[in-house]
Every structure is written in C-alpha cells, then in structure tokens.
Amino acid sequence: MDKHRDKKLDGLIGKVVEVVFFDDVAVTGVLGYTPEYSAKYGYRRPNFYNCGAWSFRKSHVKHIRRLNGLKELQ
C-alpha cells in the first residue's frame, strides 16, 4: 500500500502549508495524516490527510505550498 502514497504530501507532514482545493477553497495549517485508520488491519488510510479542521484526499488538492518562516499558526 505504501507505493501509492504521495511523496510530495508525505514530505510536508508536520509543516505549515497552504492547501488549495479544486473548488478554490484555501486552507492554512499544519499538514498531517487523517486520524482515521483501520483498527482491524492496523494501517492508515492511504492518501488521506488533514490540515487544520479539514480532512481530505490527495485527489482533491489543486496545489499545495509550504509557508516558510512559520513555525506555528495563531
């Protein structure tokens, strides 16, 4: 399952980013994996991420960029 993960998004985990979705909604926050996982099989759902209060799939992302110089959001 790991071969289907998105290397660009995985490289930004824990970083402050701006995510723009295909409907032009922009979200700023710390990128992380979605908290949903399969307890039965013991793995995270591939290609599901969260940023702030938003959970999304990588296919919904129009573009993403790291916001340099920001260590945390207020």
N, C-alpha and C. Protein backbone atom coordinates (compact mmCIF):
# COMPACT_ATOMS: atom_id res chain seq x y z
N MET A 1 0.80 -1.19 0.00
CA MET A 1 0.00 0.00 0.00
C MET A 1 0.84 1.26 0.00
N ASP A 2 2.03 1.20 0.55
CA ASP A 2 2.88 2.39 0.61
C ASP A 2 3.26 2.92 -0.75
N LYS A 3 3.27 2.08 -1.77
CA LYS A 3 3.69 2.53 -3.09
C LYS A 3 2.71 3.53 -3.69
N HIS A 4 1.49 3.63 -3.12
CA HIS A 4 0.50 4.56 -3.65
C HIS A 4 0.48 5.89 -2.91
N ARG A 5 1.32 6.07 -1.93
CA ARG A 5 1.34 7.31 -1.16
C ARG A 5 1.93 8.44 -2.00
N ASP A 6 1.58 9.64 -1.69
CA ASP A 6 2.06 10.81 -2.42
C ASP A 6 3.32 11.33 -1.73
N LYS A 7 4.44 11.26 -2.41
CA LYS A 7 5.73 11.63 -1.80
C LYS A 7 5.81 13.13 -1.48
N LYS A 8 5.21 13.97 -2.32
CA LYS A 8 5.25 15.41 -2.06
C LYS A 8 4.47 15.74 -0.80
N LEU A 9 3.26 15.22 -0.68
CA LEU A 9 2.46 15.48 0.51
C LEU A 9 3.10 14.86 1.74
N ASP A 10 3.62 13.65 1.62
CA ASP A 10 4.26 12.99 2.76
C ASP A 10 5.48 13.77 3.23
N GLY A 11 6.18 14.43 2.32
CA GLY A 11 7.34 15.23 2.68
C GLY A 11 6.98 16.51 3.42
N LEU A 12 5.72 16.90 3.36
CA LEU A 12 5.27 18.13 4.02
C LEU A 12 4.55 17.87 5.35
N ILE A 13 4.48 16.61 5.77
CA ILE A 13 3.82 16.26 7.03
C ILE A 13 4.52 16.99 8.18
N GLY A 14 3.73 17.65 9.02
CA GLY A 14 4.27 18.38 10.16
C GLY A 14 4.70 19.79 9.84
N LYS A 15 4.58 20.20 8.59
CA LYS A 15 4.97 21.55 8.16
C LYS A 15 3.72 22.43 8.01
N VAL A 16 3.91 23.74 8.13
CA VAL A 16 2.82 24.69 7.90
C VAL A 16 2.68 24.88 6.40
N VAL A 17 1.48 24.62 5.88
CA VAL A 17 1.24 24.66 4.45
C VAL A 17 -0.05 25.41 4.14
N GLU A 18 -0.19 25.78 2.87
CA GLU A 18 -1.45 26.27 2.35
C GLU A 18 -1.90 25.26 1.31
N VAL A 19 -3.10 24.72 1.50
CA VAL A 19 -3.67 23.74 0.58
C VAL A 19 -4.80 24.42 -0.17
N VAL A 20 -4.78 24.34 -1.50
CA VAL A 20 -5.85 24.87 -2.32
C VAL A 20 -6.54 23.69 -2.99
N PHE A 21 -7.86 23.61 -2.80
CA PHE A 21 -8.65 22.54 -3.38
C PHE A 21 -9.18 22.95 -4.74
N PHE A 22 -9.76 22.00 -5.47
CA PHE A 22 -10.24 22.28 -6.82
C PHE A 22 -11.40 23.25 -6.87
N ASP A 23 -12.11 23.46 -5.75
CA ASP A 23 -13.18 24.46 -5.73
C ASP A 23 -12.66 25.82 -5.26
N ASP A 24 -11.32 25.97 -5.26
CA ASP A 24 -10.60 27.20 -4.91
C ASP A 24 -10.73 27.61 -3.44
N VAL A 25 -11.08 26.69 -2.58
CA VAL A 25 -11.05 26.94 -1.14
C VAL A 25 -9.61 26.73 -0.68
N ALA A 26 -9.07 27.69 0.06
CA ALA A 26 -7.69 27.60 0.56
C ALA A 26 -7.73 27.40 2.07
N VAL A 27 -6.92 26.47 2.55
CA VAL A 27 -6.82 26.15 3.96
C VAL A 27 -5.36 26.24 4.37
N THR A 28 -5.11 26.88 5.51
CA THR A 28 -3.75 27.01 6.02
C THR A 28 -3.68 26.29 7.37
N GLY A 29 -2.62 25.52 7.56
CA GLY A 29 -2.44 24.81 8.82
C GLY A 29 -1.28 23.85 8.74
N VAL A 30 -1.15 23.02 9.76
CA VAL A 30 -0.10 22.02 9.80
C VAL A 30 -0.65 20.75 9.14
N LEU A 31 0.06 20.26 8.14
CA LEU A 31 -0.37 19.08 7.41
C LEU A 31 -0.09 17.82 8.22
N GLY A 32 -1.06 16.93 8.26
CA GLY A 32 -0.89 15.66 8.98
C GLY A 32 -1.69 14.57 8.30
N TYR A 33 -1.51 13.36 8.79
CA TYR A 33 -2.32 12.24 8.30
C TYR A 33 -3.68 12.31 8.95
N THR A 34 -4.69 11.85 8.23
CA THR A 34 -6.02 11.80 8.81
C THR A 34 -6.02 10.82 9.98
N PRO A 35 -6.76 11.11 11.03
CA PRO A 35 -6.74 10.23 12.19
C PRO A 35 -7.47 8.91 11.96
N GLU A 36 -8.22 8.81 10.85
CA GLU A 36 -8.94 7.57 10.58
C GLU A 36 -7.96 6.46 10.20
N TYR A 37 -8.17 5.31 10.74
CA TYR A 37 -7.34 4.16 10.39
C TYR A 37 -8.16 2.90 10.56
N SER A 38 -7.69 1.86 10.01
CA SER A 38 -8.38 0.58 10.12
C SER A 38 -7.83 -0.17 11.33
N ALA A 39 -8.61 -0.23 12.39
CA ALA A 39 -8.17 -0.96 13.58
C ALA A 39 -8.06 -2.45 13.28
N LYS A 40 -8.91 -2.93 12.40
CA LYS A 40 -8.89 -4.34 12.06
C LYS A 40 -7.61 -4.74 11.35
N TYR A 41 -7.15 -3.88 10.44
CA TYR A 41 -5.96 -4.21 9.65
C TYR A 41 -4.71 -3.46 10.11
N GLY A 42 -4.87 -2.46 10.98
CA GLY A 42 -3.73 -1.78 11.57
C GLY A 42 -2.93 -0.89 10.62
N TYR A 43 -3.58 -0.18 9.72
CA TYR A 43 -2.86 0.76 8.85
C TYR A 43 -3.65 2.04 8.67
N ARG A 44 -2.95 3.10 8.29
CA ARG A 44 -3.61 4.36 7.98
C ARG A 44 -4.22 4.27 6.59
N ARG A 45 -5.27 5.00 6.39
CA ARG A 45 -5.87 5.05 5.06
C ARG A 45 -4.90 5.79 4.14
N PRO A 46 -4.52 5.20 3.04
CA PRO A 46 -3.55 5.84 2.15
C PRO A 46 -4.14 7.08 1.48
N ASN A 47 -3.31 8.09 1.36
CA ASN A 47 -3.64 9.32 0.65
C ASN A 47 -4.77 10.12 1.26
N PHE A 48 -4.98 9.98 2.56
CA PHE A 48 -5.93 10.81 3.29
C PHE A 48 -5.13 11.67 4.26
N TYR A 49 -5.37 12.97 4.23
CA TYR A 49 -4.59 13.93 5.01
C TYR A 49 -5.54 14.87 5.74
N ASN A 50 -4.99 15.65 6.67
CA ASN A 50 -5.76 16.72 7.27
C ASN A 50 -4.90 17.95 7.42
N CYS A 51 -5.56 19.08 7.44
CA CYS A 51 -4.90 20.38 7.61
C CYS A 51 -5.87 21.24 8.40
N GLY A 52 -5.51 21.56 9.62
CA GLY A 52 -6.44 22.26 10.49
C GLY A 52 -7.61 21.34 10.79
N ALA A 53 -8.83 21.82 10.56
CA ALA A 53 -10.03 21.02 10.81
C ALA A 53 -10.49 20.28 9.56
N TRP A 54 -9.76 20.38 8.47
CA TRP A 54 -10.16 19.77 7.20
C TRP A 54 -9.48 18.43 7.01
N SER A 55 -10.25 17.43 6.66
CA SER A 55 -9.72 16.13 6.24
C SER A 55 -10.03 15.98 4.76
N PHE A 56 -9.07 15.47 4.00
CA PHE A 56 -9.26 15.42 2.56
C PHE A 56 -8.42 14.31 1.96
N ARG A 57 -8.72 13.99 0.73
CA ARG A 57 -7.98 13.01 -0.04
C ARG A 57 -7.04 13.75 -0.98
N LYS A 58 -5.92 13.15 -1.31
CA LYS A 58 -4.94 13.84 -2.15
C LYS A 58 -5.51 14.23 -3.50
N SER A 59 -6.49 13.50 -4.00
CA SER A 59 -7.07 13.81 -5.30
C SER A 59 -7.89 15.09 -5.30
N HIS A 60 -8.20 15.64 -4.12
CA HIS A 60 -8.96 16.88 -4.02
C HIS A 60 -8.07 18.11 -4.00
N VAL A 61 -6.75 17.91 -3.97
CA VAL A 61 -5.80 19.02 -3.85
C VAL A 61 -5.43 19.55 -5.24
N LYS A 62 -5.68 20.84 -5.42
CA LYS A 62 -5.27 21.50 -6.66
C LYS A 62 -3.79 21.81 -6.61
N HIS A 63 -3.36 22.45 -5.53
CA HIS A 63 -1.93 22.62 -5.28
C HIS A 63 -1.69 22.89 -3.80
N ILE A 64 -0.46 22.68 -3.41
CA ILE A 64 -0.06 22.85 -2.01
C ILE A 64 1.29 23.53 -1.99
N ARG A 65 1.48 24.40 -1.02
CA ARG A 65 2.79 25.04 -0.89
C ARG A 65 3.12 25.21 0.59
N ARG A 66 4.39 25.08 0.87
CA ARG A 66 4.88 25.24 2.24
C ARG A 66 5.01 26.73 2.52
N LEU A 67 4.58 27.14 3.68
CA LEU A 67 4.71 28.52 4.10
C LEU A 67 5.97 28.65 4.94
N ASN A 68 7.02 29.14 4.34
CA ASN A 68 8.31 29.26 5.01
C ASN A 68 8.27 30.34 6.08
N GLY A 69 9.01 30.10 7.12
CA GLY A 69 9.15 31.08 8.18
C GLY A 69 8.08 30.99 9.25
N LEU A 70 7.09 30.15 9.06
CA LEU A 70 6.05 29.99 10.07
C LEU A 70 6.26 28.68 10.81
N LYS A 71 6.43 28.75 12.11
CA LYS A 71 6.61 27.54 12.89
C LYS A 71 5.31 27.07 13.46
N GLU A 72 4.39 28.00 13.69
CA GLU A 72 3.07 27.62 14.20
C GLU A 72 2.07 28.69 13.80
N LEU A 73 0.82 28.32 13.79
CA LEU A 73 -0.23 29.26 13.46
C LEU A 73 -0.89 29.75 14.73
N GLN A 74 -1.35 30.98 14.70
CA GLN A 74 -2.01 31.54 15.88
C GLN A 74 -3.50 31.48 15.72
